[in-house]
């Protein structure tokens, strides 16, 4: 099984805590959204970024979810987690 990356590692956005783009763009809310910690074995919302407002994808969680179904990272997480995949929208 391939490594379970966090969204900021997969997307290489540099907006994780201490990341290269935080001074200019700020820390991504997914990197500090602790209510989602552990979803799909992620750190904060690192493997459930589609549940958080203010990430690279515009819109709120429910509006973003349809676009996320087409996202490569969403599909990778879903495939890696298999039957244990959590969409995170119920938390």
Protein backbone atom coordinates (compact mmCIF):
# COMPACT_ATOMS: atom_id res chain seq x y z
CA UNK A 1 0.00 0.00 0.00
CA UNK A 2 1.32 3.44 -0.84
CA UNK A 3 2.14 6.05 1.79
CA UNK A 4 -0.82 7.82 3.35
CA UNK A 5 -0.06 11.48 2.61
CA UNK A 6 -1.81 14.50 4.06
CA UNK A 7 -3.47 16.84 1.55
CA UNK A 8 -0.71 19.46 1.90
CA UNK A 9 1.91 16.82 1.11
CA UNK A 10 -0.06 15.46 -1.84
CA UNK A 11 -0.94 18.89 -3.29
CA UNK A 12 2.44 20.43 -2.34
CA UNK A 13 0.68 23.69 -1.48
CA UNK A 14 3.13 24.69 1.27
CA UNK A 15 0.29 25.84 3.53
CA UNK A 16 0.83 23.32 6.34
CA UNK A 17 2.03 24.61 9.70
CA UNK A 18 5.57 25.86 9.05
CA UNK A 19 5.11 25.47 5.28
CA UNK A 20 6.87 27.50 2.62
CA UNK A 21 3.75 29.46 1.57
CA UNK A 22 2.25 30.27 4.96
CA UNK A 23 3.75 33.74 5.21
CA UNK A 24 2.12 34.75 1.93
CA UNK A 25 -1.05 32.61 1.93
CA UNK A 26 -1.51 31.69 5.59
CA UNK A 27 -1.85 28.25 7.15
CA UNK A 28 -4.49 26.14 5.48
CA UNK A 29 -7.49 25.53 7.74
CA UNK A 30 -7.26 21.79 6.99
CA UNK A 31 -3.87 21.70 8.72
CA UNK A 32 -5.34 22.97 11.99
CA UNK A 33 -8.90 21.62 11.92
CA UNK A 34 -8.58 19.28 14.91
CA UNK A 35 -12.22 18.10 15.02
CA UNK A 36 -11.34 16.05 11.91
CA UNK A 37 -8.16 14.62 13.43
CA UNK A 38 -7.94 10.91 12.74
CA UNK A 39 -10.46 10.81 9.91
CA UNK A 40 -8.96 8.46 7.33
CA UNK A 41 -5.87 8.31 9.54
CA UNK A 42 -5.14 11.99 8.94
CA UNK A 43 -3.53 14.73 10.99
CA UNK A 44 -6.12 17.43 11.68
CA UNK A 45 -8.14 17.40 8.42
CA UNK A 46 -5.16 16.33 6.32
CA UNK A 47 -7.08 13.38 4.88
CA UNK A 48 -10.51 15.02 5.02
CA UNK A 49 -9.76 18.48 3.59
CA UNK A 50 -13.07 18.48 1.72
CA UNK A 51 -14.82 18.97 5.08
CA UNK A 52 -13.17 22.34 5.82
CA UNK A 53 -13.96 25.85 4.60
CA UNK A 54 -11.06 27.95 3.29
CA UNK A 55 -8.94 25.25 1.63
CA UNK A 56 -7.68 25.46 -1.96
CA UNK A 57 -11.11 24.38 -3.22
CA UNK A 58 -13.75 27.11 -2.79
CA UNK A 59 -17.07 26.62 -1.06
CA UNK A 60 -18.27 24.97 2.12
CA UNK A 61 -18.04 21.25 2.81
CA UNK A 62 -21.34 20.24 1.24
CA UNK A 63 -20.84 22.47 -1.83
CA UNK A 64 -17.29 21.22 -2.32
CA UNK A 65 -18.12 17.56 -1.89
CA UNK A 66 -19.41 17.07 -5.46
CA UNK A 67 -16.21 18.63 -6.87
CA UNK A 68 -14.16 16.53 -4.48
CA UNK A 69 -15.54 13.35 -5.97
CA UNK A 70 -13.47 14.28 -9.05
CA UNK A 71 -10.35 15.20 -7.02
CA UNK A 72 -7.34 12.91 -7.36
CA UNK A 73 -6.49 13.24 -3.67
CA UNK A 74 -10.05 12.36 -2.60
CA UNK A 75 -9.97 9.28 -4.83
CA UNK A 76 -6.54 8.22 -3.48
CA UNK A 77 -7.73 8.53 0.13
CA UNK A 78 -10.94 6.66 -0.68
CA UNK A 79 -9.02 3.85 -2.37
CA UNK A 80 -6.42 3.61 0.39
CA UNK A 81 -9.01 3.48 3.16
CA UNK A 82 -11.39 1.14 1.33
CA UNK A 83 -14.33 0.09 3.51
CA UNK A 84 -12.97 2.25 6.34
CA UNK A 85 -13.21 5.46 4.29
CA UNK A 86 -15.01 8.31 6.09
CA UNK A 87 -16.34 11.23 4.08
CA UNK A 88 -16.17 13.24 7.32
CA UNK A 89 -19.33 15.24 6.66
CA UNK A 90 -21.17 13.76 9.62
CA UNK A 91 -18.63 14.99 12.22
